[in-house]
């Protein structure tokens, strides 16, 4: 193994991508493993009248784990690039570890693969970021509107639903093997990993 994985879970809008991207460590975006919008196995949300993108069945867990294992073993992996606005993979890119000792894998479903990564021997740590739900709602809505991810009414309705589900999401991540961390604690953790890598 050339590196091991730090799984970063947390509610949508909690700042996972921002904090991971600013760490200086290699980052694999787990949200790029969503299924295409025309996949017949996608779950449906009766409440919203659209695909339930917050259901783990909308995501390729096995492909995410396999890519992480390849990245840790060989130092590079080809992964999809996913466009949320069009609900499909639009290409592929190569993610490299660049001799880093830790790779950050972040996404809303990160907690779902804690045990699989542990069994593969590639897990270094697993954390779930905890921030105020109303702040996550504001950050998420601003981001999704800016990126035109879905129609504004859908984003507003989905955001309110997610806000009320956050305590459950965090609790479930803990039961699946994640440690609760604040944004400050996460920044300190990632800074320490980056310093270890650069040393």
C-alpha atoms as a PDB file:
ATOM      1  CA  UNK A   1       0.000   0.000   0.000  1.00  0.00           C
ATOM      2  CA  UNK A   2       1.336   3.446  -0.921  1.00  0.00           C
ATOM      3  CA  UNK A   3      -1.408   5.302   1.003  1.00  0.00           C
ATOM      4  CA  UNK A   4      -4.494   4.822   3.142  1.00  0.00           C
ATOM      5  CA  UNK A   5      -7.895   6.485   3.110  1.00  0.00           C
ATOM      6  CA  UNK A   6      -9.496   9.021   5.410  1.00  0.00           C
ATOM      7  CA  UNK A   7     -13.244   8.862   4.816  1.00  0.00           C
ATOM      8  CA  UNK A   8     -14.959  12.218   5.290  1.00  0.00           C
ATOM      9  CA  UNK A   9     -18.729  11.994   5.725  1.00  0.00           C
ATOM     10  CA  UNK A  10     -21.288  14.627   6.638  1.00  0.00           C
ATOM     11  CA  UNK A  11     -24.603  16.179   5.601  1.00  0.00           C
ATOM     12  CA  UNK A  12     -24.830  17.912   2.233  1.00  0.00           C
ATOM     13  CA  UNK A  13     -23.606  21.496   2.593  1.00  0.00           C
ATOM     14  CA  UNK A  14     -21.476  20.838   5.680  1.00  0.00           C
ATOM     15  CA  UNK A  15     -18.247  21.880   3.921  1.00  0.00           C
ATOM     16  CA  UNK A  16     -16.685  18.496   3.158  1.00  0.00           C
ATOM     17  CA  UNK A  17     -15.459  19.417  -0.318  1.00  0.00           C
ATOM     18  CA  UNK A  18     -14.182  22.838   0.753  1.00  0.00           C
ATOM     19  CA  UNK A  19     -12.195  21.542   3.725  1.00  0.00           C
ATOM     20  CA  UNK A  20     -10.848  18.523   1.852  1.00  0.00           C
ATOM     21  CA  UNK A  21      -9.855  20.647  -1.135  1.00  0.00           C
ATOM     22  CA  UNK A  22      -7.961  23.084   1.051  1.00  0.00           C
ATOM     23  CA  UNK A  23      -5.985  20.388   2.841  1.00  0.00           C
ATOM     24  CA  UNK A  24      -3.299  19.960   0.205  1.00  0.00           C
ATOM     25  CA  UNK A  25      -3.906  16.199   0.227  1.00  0.00           C
ATOM     26  CA  UNK A  26      -5.165  14.096  -2.709  1.00  0.00           C
ATOM     27  CA  UNK A  27      -8.962  14.065  -2.789  1.00  0.00           C
ATOM     28  CA  UNK A  28     -11.333  11.552  -4.334  1.00  0.00           C
ATOM     29  CA  UNK A  29     -14.896  12.859  -4.700  1.00  0.00           C
ATOM     30  CA  UNK A  30     -17.228  10.044  -3.804  1.00  0.00           C
ATOM     31  CA  UNK A  31     -20.215  11.926  -5.267  1.00  0.00           C
ATOM     32  CA  UNK A  32     -18.737  11.222  -8.713  1.00  0.00           C
ATOM     33  CA  UNK A  33     -19.902   7.629  -8.287  1.00  0.00           C
ATOM     34  CA  UNK A  34     -23.608   8.470  -8.477  1.00  0.00           C
ATOM     35  CA  UNK A  35     -25.614   6.417 -10.948  1.00  0.00           C
ATOM     36  CA  UNK A  36     -26.738   8.011 -14.215  1.00  0.00           C
ATOM     37  CA  UNK A  37     -30.216   9.516 -14.169  1.00  0.00           C
ATOM     38  CA  UNK A  38     -31.640   6.878 -16.534  1.00  0.00           C
ATOM     39  CA  UNK A  39     -30.422   3.909 -14.470  1.00  0.00           C
ATOM     40  CA  UNK A  40     -33.530   1.741 -13.821  1.00  0.00           C
ATOM     41  CA  UNK A  41     -32.290   0.805 -10.335  1.00  0.00           C
ATOM     42  CA  UNK A  42     -32.494   4.382  -9.018  1.00  0.00           C
ATOM     43  CA  UNK A  43     -34.746   4.859  -5.965  1.00  0.00           C
ATOM     44  CA  UNK A  44     -37.672   7.298  -6.162  1.00  0.00           C
ATOM     45  CA  UNK A  45     -38.811   9.930  -3.660  1.00  0.00           C
ATOM     46  CA  UNK A  46     -42.594  10.111  -3.444  1.00  0.00           C
ATOM     47  CA  UNK A  47     -42.289  13.247  -1.299  1.00  0.00           C
ATOM     48  CA  UNK A  48     -40.325  15.190  -3.916  1.00  0.00           C
ATOM     49  CA  UNK A  49     -41.575  13.406  -7.019  1.00  0.00           C
ATOM     50  CA  UNK A  50     -38.034  12.857  -8.312  1.00  0.00           C
ATOM     51  CA  UNK A  51     -35.172  10.372  -7.945  1.00  0.00           C
ATOM     52  CA  UNK A  52     -34.083  10.115  -4.316  1.00  0.00           C
ATOM     53  CA  UNK A  53     -30.460  11.171  -4.637  1.00  0.00           C
ATOM     54  CA  UNK A  54     -30.059  10.957  -0.855  1.00  0.00           C
ATOM     55  CA  UNK A  55     -30.677   7.205  -0.890  1.00  0.00           C
ATOM     56  CA  UNK A  56     -27.478   5.126  -0.998  1.00  0.00           C
ATOM     57  CA  UNK A  57     -29.058   2.989  -3.729  1.00  0.00           C
ATOM     58  CA  UNK A  58     -28.475   5.955  -6.071  1.00  0.00           C
ATOM     59  CA  UNK A  59     -24.737   5.412  -5.701  1.00  0.00           C
ATOM     60  CA  UNK A  60     -22.123   2.855  -6.848  1.00  0.00           C
ATOM     61  CA  UNK A  61     -20.542   1.893  -3.513  1.00  0.00           C
ATOM     62  CA  UNK A  62     -18.654  -1.063  -5.000  1.00  0.00           C
ATOM     63  CA  UNK A  63     -17.036   1.065  -7.709  1.00  0.00           C
ATOM     64  CA  UNK A  64     -16.005   3.699  -5.175  1.00  0.00           C
ATOM     65  CA  UNK A  65     -14.308   1.118  -2.943  1.00  0.00           C
ATOM     66  CA  UNK A  66     -12.564  -0.533  -5.883  1.00  0.00           C
ATOM     67  CA  UNK A  67     -11.212   2.825  -7.091  1.00  0.00           C
ATOM     68  CA  UNK A  68      -9.930   3.654  -3.604  1.00  0.00           C
ATOM     69  CA  UNK A  69      -8.245   0.269  -3.305  1.00  0.00           C
ATOM     70  CA  UNK A  70      -6.561   0.763  -6.691  1.00  0.00           C
ATOM     71  CA  UNK A  71      -5.462   4.269  -5.741  1.00  0.00           C
ATOM     72  CA  UNK A  72      -3.951   3.076  -2.470  1.00  0.00           C
ATOM     73  CA  UNK A  73      -2.280   0.073  -4.099  1.00  0.00           C
ATOM     74  CA  UNK A  74      -0.885   1.660  -7.271  1.00  0.00           C
ATOM     75  CA  UNK A  75      -0.883   5.395  -6.603  1.00  0.00           C
ATOM     76  CA  UNK A  76      -3.371   6.192  -9.382  1.00  0.00           C
ATOM     77  CA  UNK A  77      -6.949   5.416 -10.393  1.00  0.00           C
ATOM     78  CA  UNK A  78      -9.277   6.352 -13.233  1.00  0.00           C
ATOM     79  CA  UNK A  79     -12.532   7.705 -11.805  1.00  0.00           C
ATOM     80  CA  UNK A  80     -15.685   9.216 -13.327  1.00  0.00           C
ATOM     81  CA  UNK A  81     -16.566  12.897 -13.361  1.00  0.00           C
ATOM     82  CA  UNK A  82     -20.240  13.387 -12.566  1.00  0.00           C
ATOM     83  CA  UNK A  83     -22.408  16.348 -13.541  1.00  0.00           C
ATOM     84  CA  UNK A  84     -25.195  16.766 -10.988  1.00  0.00           C
ATOM     85  CA  UNK A  85     -27.157  19.190 -13.174  1.00  0.00           C
ATOM     86  CA  UNK A  86     -27.553  16.575 -15.926  1.00  0.00           C
ATOM     87  CA  UNK A  87     -27.473  13.560 -13.573  1.00  0.00           C
ATOM     88  CA  UNK A  88     -24.810  11.591 -15.398  1.00  0.00           C
ATOM     89  CA  UNK A  89     -21.100  10.854 -15.650  1.00  0.00           C
ATOM     90  CA  UNK A  90     -19.561  13.077 -18.320  1.00  0.00           C
ATOM     91  CA  UNK A  91     -16.033  11.695 -18.490  1.00  0.00           C
ATOM     92  CA  UNK A  92     -13.144  10.221 -16.548  1.00  0.00           C
ATOM     93  CA  UNK A  93     -10.064  11.646 -14.856  1.00  0.00           C
ATOM     94  CA  UNK A  94      -7.010  10.178 -13.185  1.00  0.00           C
ATOM     95  CA  UNK A  95      -6.598  10.729  -9.451  1.00  0.00           C
ATOM     96  CA  UNK A  96      -3.070  10.273  -8.113  1.00  0.00           C
ATOM     97  CA  UNK A  97      -1.773   9.893  -4.577  1.00  0.00           C
ATOM     98  CA  UNK A  98       1.556  11.587  -5.437  1.00  0.00           C
ATOM     99  CA  UNK A  99       3.341   9.705  -2.645  1.00  0.00           C
ATOM    100  CA  UNK A 100       0.946  11.079   0.004  1.00  0.00           C
ATOM    101  CA  UNK A 101       0.412   8.847   3.007  1.00  0.00           C
ATOM    102  CA  UNK A 102      -3.284   9.787   3.221  1.00  0.00           C
ATOM    103  CA  UNK A 103      -6.020  10.217   0.628  1.00  0.00           C
ATOM    104  CA  UNK A 104      -9.223  12.070   1.483  1.00  0.00           C
ATOM    105  CA  UNK A 105     -12.403  10.431   0.160  1.00  0.00           C
ATOM    106  CA  UNK A 106     -15.333  12.764   0.783  1.00  0.00           C
ATOM    107  CA  UNK A 107     -19.024  12.516   0.074  1.00  0.00           C
ATOM    108  CA  UNK A 108     -22.475  12.162   1.587  1.00  0.00           C
ATOM    109  CA  UNK A 109     -22.224   8.350   1.417  1.00  0.00           C
ATOM    110  CA  UNK A 110     -18.691   8.038   2.815  1.00  0.00           C
ATOM    111  CA  UNK A 111     -19.929   6.314   5.982  1.00  0.00           C
ATOM    112  CA  UNK A 112     -21.451   3.531   3.867  1.00  0.00           C
ATOM    113  CA  UNK A 113     -18.018   2.191   2.896  1.00  0.00           C
ATOM    114  CA  UNK A 114     -16.194   2.363   6.240  1.00  0.00           C
ATOM    115  CA  UNK A 115     -16.389  -1.383   6.816  1.00  0.00           C
ATOM    116  CA  UNK A 116     -15.529  -2.257   3.195  1.00  0.00           C
ATOM    117  CA  UNK A 117     -12.415  -0.061   3.345  1.00  0.00           C
ATOM    118  CA  UNK A 118     -11.462  -1.574   6.687  1.00  0.00           C
ATOM    119  CA  UNK A 119     -11.780  -5.083   5.264  1.00  0.00           C
ATOM    120  CA  UNK A 120      -9.591  -4.073   2.305  1.00  0.00           C
ATOM    121  CA  UNK A 121      -6.946  -2.816   4.730  1.00  0.00           C
ATOM    122  CA  UNK A 122      -6.988   0.708   3.295  1.00  0.00           C
ATOM    123  CA  UNK A 123      -8.791   2.623   6.062  1.00  0.00           C
ATOM    124  CA  UNK A 124      -6.780   5.183   8.042  1.00  0.00           C
ATOM    125  CA  UNK A 125      -9.690   7.043   9.653  1.00  0.00           C
ATOM    126  CA  UNK A 126     -13.377   7.839   9.206  1.00  0.00           C
ATOM    127  CA  UNK A 127     -14.991  11.046  10.428  1.00  0.00           C
ATOM    128  CA  UNK A 128     -18.331  12.817  10.102  1.00  0.00           C
ATOM    129  CA  UNK A 129     -18.374  16.600  10.222  1.00  0.00           C
ATOM    130  CA  UNK A 130     -20.991  18.169  12.481  1.00  0.00           C
ATOM    131  CA  UNK A 131     -22.146  21.762  11.907  1.00  0.00           C
ATOM    132  CA  UNK A 132     -25.339  23.714  12.574  1.00  0.00           C
ATOM    133  CA  UNK A 133     -28.137  22.351  10.318  1.00  0.00           C
ATOM    134  CA  UNK A 134     -29.476  25.809   9.424  1.00  0.00           C
ATOM    135  CA  UNK A 135     -26.010  26.907   8.298  1.00  0.00           C
ATOM    136  CA  UNK A 136     -25.712  23.784   6.164  1.00  0.00           C
ATOM    137  CA  UNK A 137     -29.116  24.611   4.662  1.00  0.00           C
ATOM    138  CA  UNK A 138     -27.928  28.085   3.649  1.00  0.00           C
ATOM    139  CA  UNK A 139     -24.581  26.861   2.269  1.00  0.00           C
ATOM    140  CA  UNK A 140     -26.224  24.005   0.383  1.00  0.00           C
ATOM    141  CA  UNK A 141     -28.936  26.173  -1.159  1.00  0.00           C
ATOM    142  CA  UNK A 142     -26.460  28.861  -2.228  1.00  0.00           C
ATOM    143  CA  UNK A 143     -24.169  26.258  -3.807  1.00  0.00           C
ATOM    144  CA  UNK A 144     -26.936  24.344  -5.569  1.00  0.00           C
ATOM    145  CA  UNK A 145     -28.515  27.507  -6.976  1.00  0.00           C
ATOM    146  CA  UNK A 146     -25.129  28.774  -8.137  1.00  0.00           C
ATOM    147  CA  UNK A 147     -24.386  25.491  -9.908  1.00  0.00           C
ATOM    148  CA  UNK A 148     -27.952  25.094 -11.272  1.00  0.00           C
ATOM    149  CA  UNK A 149     -28.066  21.587  -9.868  1.00  0.00           C
ATOM    150  CA  UNK A 150     -31.851  21.264  -9.944  1.00  0.00           C
ATOM    151  CA  UNK A 151     -34.889  23.614 -10.258  1.00  0.00           C
ATOM    152  CA  UNK A 152     -34.983  26.189  -7.406  1.00  0.00           C
ATOM    153  CA  UNK A 153     -38.269  24.916  -5.956  1.00  0.00           C
ATOM    154  CA  UNK A 154     -36.874  21.380  -5.787  1.00  0.00           C
ATOM    155  CA  UNK A 155     -33.688  22.630  -4.133  1.00  0.00           C
ATOM    156  CA  UNK A 156     -35.670  24.540  -1.512  1.00  0.00           C
ATOM    157  CA  UNK A 157     -37.967  21.614  -0.702  1.00  0.00           C
ATOM    158  CA  UNK A 158     -35.125  19.081  -0.649  1.00  0.00           C
ATOM    159  CA  UNK A 159     -33.022  21.399   1.508  1.00  0.00           C
ATOM    160  CA  UNK A 160     -35.719  21.676   4.162  1.00  0.00           C
ATOM    161  CA  UNK A 161     -36.117  17.911   4.264  1.00  0.00           C
ATOM    162  CA  UNK A 162     -32.365  17.385   4.596  1.00  0.00           C
ATOM    163  CA  UNK A 163     -32.104  19.983   7.363  1.00  0.00           C
ATOM    164  CA  UNK A 164     -34.545  18.033   9.519  1.00  0.00           C
ATOM    165  CA  UNK A 165     -32.733  14.744   8.813  1.00  0.00           C
ATOM    166  CA  UNK A 166     -29.230  15.868   9.762  1.00  0.00           C
ATOM    167  CA  UNK A 167     -29.146  14.557  13.333  1.00  0.00           C
ATOM    168  CA  UNK A 168     -30.177  11.128  12.066  1.00  0.00           C
ATOM    169  CA  UNK A 169     -27.592  11.243   9.248  1.00  0.00           C
ATOM    170  CA  UNK A 170     -24.787  12.020  11.701  1.00  0.00           C
ATOM    171  CA  UNK A 171     -25.966   9.384  14.193  1.00  0.00           C
ATOM    172  CA  UNK A 172     -26.076   6.723  11.482  1.00  0.00           C
ATOM    173  CA  UNK A 173     -22.565   7.657  10.332  1.00  0.00           C
ATOM    174  CA  UNK A 174     -21.320   7.142  13.883  1.00  0.00           C
ATOM    175  CA  UNK A 175     -22.938   3.698  14.075  1.00  0.00           C
ATOM    176  CA  UNK A 176     -21.164   2.795  10.812  1.00  0.00           C
ATOM    177  CA  UNK A 177     -17.737   3.654  12.220  1.00  0.00           C
ATOM    178  CA  UNK A 178     -17.236   7.423  11.880  1.00  0.00           C
ATOM    179  CA  UNK A 179     -16.028   9.775  14.605  1.00  0.00           C
ATOM    180  CA  UNK A 180     -17.864  13.072  15.129  1.00  0.00           C
ATOM    181  CA  UNK A 181     -15.680  16.127  14.447  1.00  0.00           C
ATOM    182  CA  UNK A 182     -16.300  19.860  14.256  1.00  0.00           C
ATOM    183  CA  UNK A 183     -15.089  21.905  11.295  1.00  0.00           C
ATOM    184  CA  UNK A 184     -12.195  23.167  13.431  1.00  0.00           C
ATOM    185  CA  UNK A 185     -11.242  19.670  14.534  1.00  0.00           C
ATOM    186  CA  UNK A 186     -11.383  18.437  10.951  1.00  0.00           C
ATOM    187  CA  UNK A 187      -9.181  21.287   9.719  1.00  0.00           C
ATOM    188  CA  UNK A 188      -6.646  20.435  12.453  1.00  0.00           C
ATOM    189  CA  UNK A 189      -6.761  16.738  11.513  1.00  0.00           C
ATOM    190  CA  UNK A 190      -6.215  17.408   7.823  1.00  0.00           C
ATOM    191  CA  UNK A 191      -3.442  19.895   8.544  1.00  0.00           C
ATOM    192  CA  UNK A 192      -1.650  17.286  10.631  1.00  0.00           C
ATOM    193  CA  UNK A 193      -1.965  14.691   7.859  1.00  0.00           C
ATOM    194  CA  UNK A 194      -0.665  17.162   5.276  1.00  0.00           C
ATOM    195  CA  UNK A 195       2.332  18.029   7.482  1.00  0.00           C
ATOM    196  CA  UNK A 196       3.124  14.339   7.941  1.00  0.00           C
ATOM    197  CA  UNK A 197       2.978  13.818   4.181  1.00  0.00           C
ATOM    198  CA  UNK A 198       5.208  16.791   3.385  1.00  0.00           C
ATOM    199  CA  UNK A 199       7.740  15.703   6.015  1.00  0.00           C
END
